[in-house]
Each structure stands twice: as structure tokens, then as C-alpha cells.
N, C-alpha and C. Protein backbone atom coordinates (compact mmCIF):
# COMPACT_ATOMS: atom_id res chain seq x y z
N UNK A 1 -5.38 7.15 -22.48
CA UNK A 1 -4.51 7.66 -21.31
C UNK A 1 -5.41 7.82 -20.19
N UNK A 2 -4.65 7.69 -19.04
CA UNK A 2 -5.32 7.87 -17.68
C UNK A 2 -5.20 9.33 -17.17
N UNK A 3 -6.41 9.78 -16.60
CA UNK A 3 -6.37 11.14 -16.15
C UNK A 3 -6.72 10.90 -14.64
N UNK A 4 -6.50 12.13 -13.91
CA UNK A 4 -6.69 12.21 -12.54
C UNK A 4 -7.94 12.95 -12.15
N UNK A 5 -8.85 12.95 -12.85
CA UNK A 5 -9.97 13.91 -12.57
C UNK A 5 -10.80 13.51 -11.33
N UNK A 6 -10.72 12.19 -10.97
CA UNK A 6 -11.38 11.61 -9.89
C UNK A 6 -10.53 12.26 -8.48
N UNK A 7 -9.04 12.22 -8.65
CA UNK A 7 -8.53 12.80 -7.40
C UNK A 7 -8.54 14.24 -7.26
N UNK A 8 -8.73 15.00 -8.46
CA UNK A 8 -8.94 16.29 -8.25
C UNK A 8 -10.50 16.60 -7.55
N UNK A 9 -11.52 15.99 -8.31
CA UNK A 9 -12.85 16.16 -7.76
C UNK A 9 -12.89 15.93 -6.31
N UNK A 10 -12.24 14.70 -5.99
CA UNK A 10 -12.05 14.32 -4.28
C UNK A 10 -11.59 15.41 -3.49
N UNK A 11 -10.57 16.00 -4.04
CA UNK A 11 -9.75 17.29 -3.40
C UNK A 11 -10.75 18.48 -3.48
N UNK A 12 -11.29 18.86 -4.33
CA UNK A 12 -12.08 19.89 -4.37
C UNK A 12 -13.69 19.62 -3.96
N UNK A 13 -13.87 18.54 -3.58
CA UNK A 13 -15.26 18.12 -3.20
C UNK A 13 -15.71 18.83 -2.01
N UNK A 14 -16.76 18.59 -1.54
CA UNK A 14 -17.23 19.09 -0.27
C UNK A 14 -16.92 18.09 0.84
N UNK A 15 -17.07 18.73 1.85
CA UNK A 15 -16.44 18.11 3.24
C UNK A 15 -17.03 16.80 3.42
N UNK A 16 -18.48 16.71 3.25
CA UNK A 16 -19.12 15.37 3.62
C UNK A 16 -18.57 14.33 2.47
N UNK A 17 -18.46 14.65 1.40
CA UNK A 17 -17.82 13.70 0.18
C UNK A 17 -16.59 13.22 0.65
N UNK A 18 -15.53 14.27 0.90
CA UNK A 18 -14.38 13.92 1.40
C UNK A 18 -14.30 12.66 2.66
N UNK A 19 -15.38 13.16 3.70
CA UNK A 19 -15.45 12.39 4.88
C UNK A 19 -15.92 10.96 4.63
N UNK A 20 -16.95 10.83 3.64
CA UNK A 20 -17.27 9.68 3.37
C UNK A 20 -16.21 8.85 2.52
N UNK A 21 -15.31 9.21 1.58
CA UNK A 21 -14.32 8.55 0.98
C UNK A 21 -13.30 8.11 1.87
N UNK A 22 -12.97 9.05 2.73
CA UNK A 22 -12.17 8.70 4.02
C UNK A 22 -12.28 7.49 4.65
N UNK A 23 -13.79 7.53 5.04
CA UNK A 23 -14.13 6.45 5.85
C UNK A 23 -14.20 5.13 5.08
N UNK A 24 -14.36 5.12 3.85
CA UNK A 24 -14.39 4.10 2.97
C UNK A 24 -12.76 3.38 2.96
N UNK A 25 -11.94 4.32 2.68
CA UNK A 25 -10.72 4.03 2.48
C UNK A 25 -10.10 3.43 3.79
N UNK A 26 -10.32 3.99 4.97
CA UNK A 26 -9.89 3.47 6.15
C UNK A 26 -10.66 2.12 6.62
N UNK A 27 -11.94 2.16 6.31
CA UNK A 27 -12.64 0.82 6.57
C UNK A 27 -11.83 -0.38 5.46
N UNK A 28 -11.64 -0.05 4.37
CA UNK A 28 -11.03 -0.91 3.58
C UNK A 28 -9.74 -1.57 4.08
N UNK A 29 -8.97 -0.50 4.56
CA UNK A 29 -7.64 -0.67 5.04
C UNK A 29 -7.54 -1.68 6.22
N UNK A 30 -8.82 -1.31 7.28
CA UNK A 30 -8.86 -2.17 8.41
C UNK A 30 -9.29 -3.57 8.08
N UNK A 31 -10.23 -3.80 7.19
CA UNK A 31 -10.55 -5.00 6.69
C UNK A 31 -9.46 -5.74 6.08
N UNK A 32 -8.69 -5.10 5.32
CA UNK A 32 -7.44 -5.84 4.66
C UNK A 32 -6.49 -6.55 5.80
N UNK A 33 -6.12 -5.51 6.82
CA UNK A 33 -5.54 -5.93 7.88
C UNK A 33 -5.96 -7.05 8.71
N UNK A 34 -7.21 -7.00 8.84
CA UNK A 34 -8.06 -8.14 9.67
C UNK A 34 -7.63 -9.48 8.76
N UNK A 35 -8.10 -9.44 7.55
CA UNK A 35 -8.01 -10.66 6.71
C UNK A 35 -6.74 -11.02 6.58
N UNK A 36 -5.66 -10.27 6.40
CA UNK A 36 -4.35 -10.62 6.37
C UNK A 36 -3.52 -11.25 7.64
N UNK A 37 -4.21 -10.71 8.81
CA UNK A 37 -3.85 -11.25 10.16
C UNK A 37 -4.24 -12.74 10.30
N UNK A 38 -5.59 -12.94 9.89
CA UNK A 38 -6.34 -14.34 9.93
C UNK A 38 -5.59 -15.13 9.00
N UNK A 39 -5.27 -14.79 7.64
CA UNK A 39 -4.55 -15.93 6.73
C UNK A 39 -3.28 -16.09 7.51
N UNK A 40 -2.45 -15.22 7.97
CA UNK A 40 -1.18 -15.42 8.39
C UNK A 40 -1.28 -16.36 9.63
N UNK A 41 -2.24 -16.17 10.42
CA UNK A 41 -2.62 -17.14 11.74
C UNK A 41 -2.76 -18.55 11.22
N UNK A 42 -3.57 -18.52 10.17
CA UNK A 42 -3.93 -19.96 9.61
C UNK A 42 -2.77 -20.66 8.99
N UNK A 43 -1.88 -19.85 8.24
CA UNK A 43 -0.81 -20.31 7.62
C UNK A 43 0.36 -21.00 8.74
N UNK A 44 0.56 -20.20 9.71
CA UNK A 44 1.46 -20.45 10.83
C UNK A 44 0.94 -21.60 11.55
N UNK A 45 -0.27 -21.88 11.61
CA UNK A 45 -0.85 -23.06 12.46
C UNK A 45 -0.43 -24.26 11.72
N UNK A 46 -0.29 -24.23 10.63
CA UNK A 46 0.21 -25.45 9.83
C UNK A 46 -0.88 -26.37 9.57
N UNK A 47 -2.20 -26.24 9.80
CA UNK A 47 -3.34 -26.93 9.41
C UNK A 47 -3.66 -27.05 8.00
N UNK A 48 -2.83 -27.72 7.12
CA UNK A 48 -3.17 -27.70 5.66
C UNK A 48 -3.56 -29.21 5.35
N UNK A 49 -4.54 -29.19 4.87
CA UNK A 49 -5.00 -30.48 4.53
C UNK A 49 -4.99 -30.78 2.92
N UNK A 50 -4.42 -31.98 2.67
CA UNK A 50 -4.13 -32.35 1.21
C UNK A 50 -4.88 -33.63 1.25
N UNK A 51 -5.33 -33.82 -0.07
CA UNK A 51 -5.93 -35.24 -0.48
C UNK A 51 -5.02 -36.39 -0.62
């Protein structure tokens, strides 16, 4: 079974730990949005090469 010990430890953790993981989560989200925007731009450009 899966447990949520990690979530509780993050909630009950120290401020610096919380800030670190918040920064990691926000950074990951920003990178995801940037990559998604770039892929969408390339897709809409229609520059698809086939052999």
C-alpha cells in the first residue's frame, strides 16, 4: 500500500525545507510550461520533416 508519510513530513518540516521543496515544485512547473510552449510553437509552425 502507499502511504503519505512524505507529505506529512513536508507539512511538519522546518521552514527551510518547505521553502526548498516549494522552490523545486515551482521551478519544475515553470520548466514544464516553457517546454510545452516551445513544443506547441514548433507544432503550429508545421515544419515537420519526413523521410
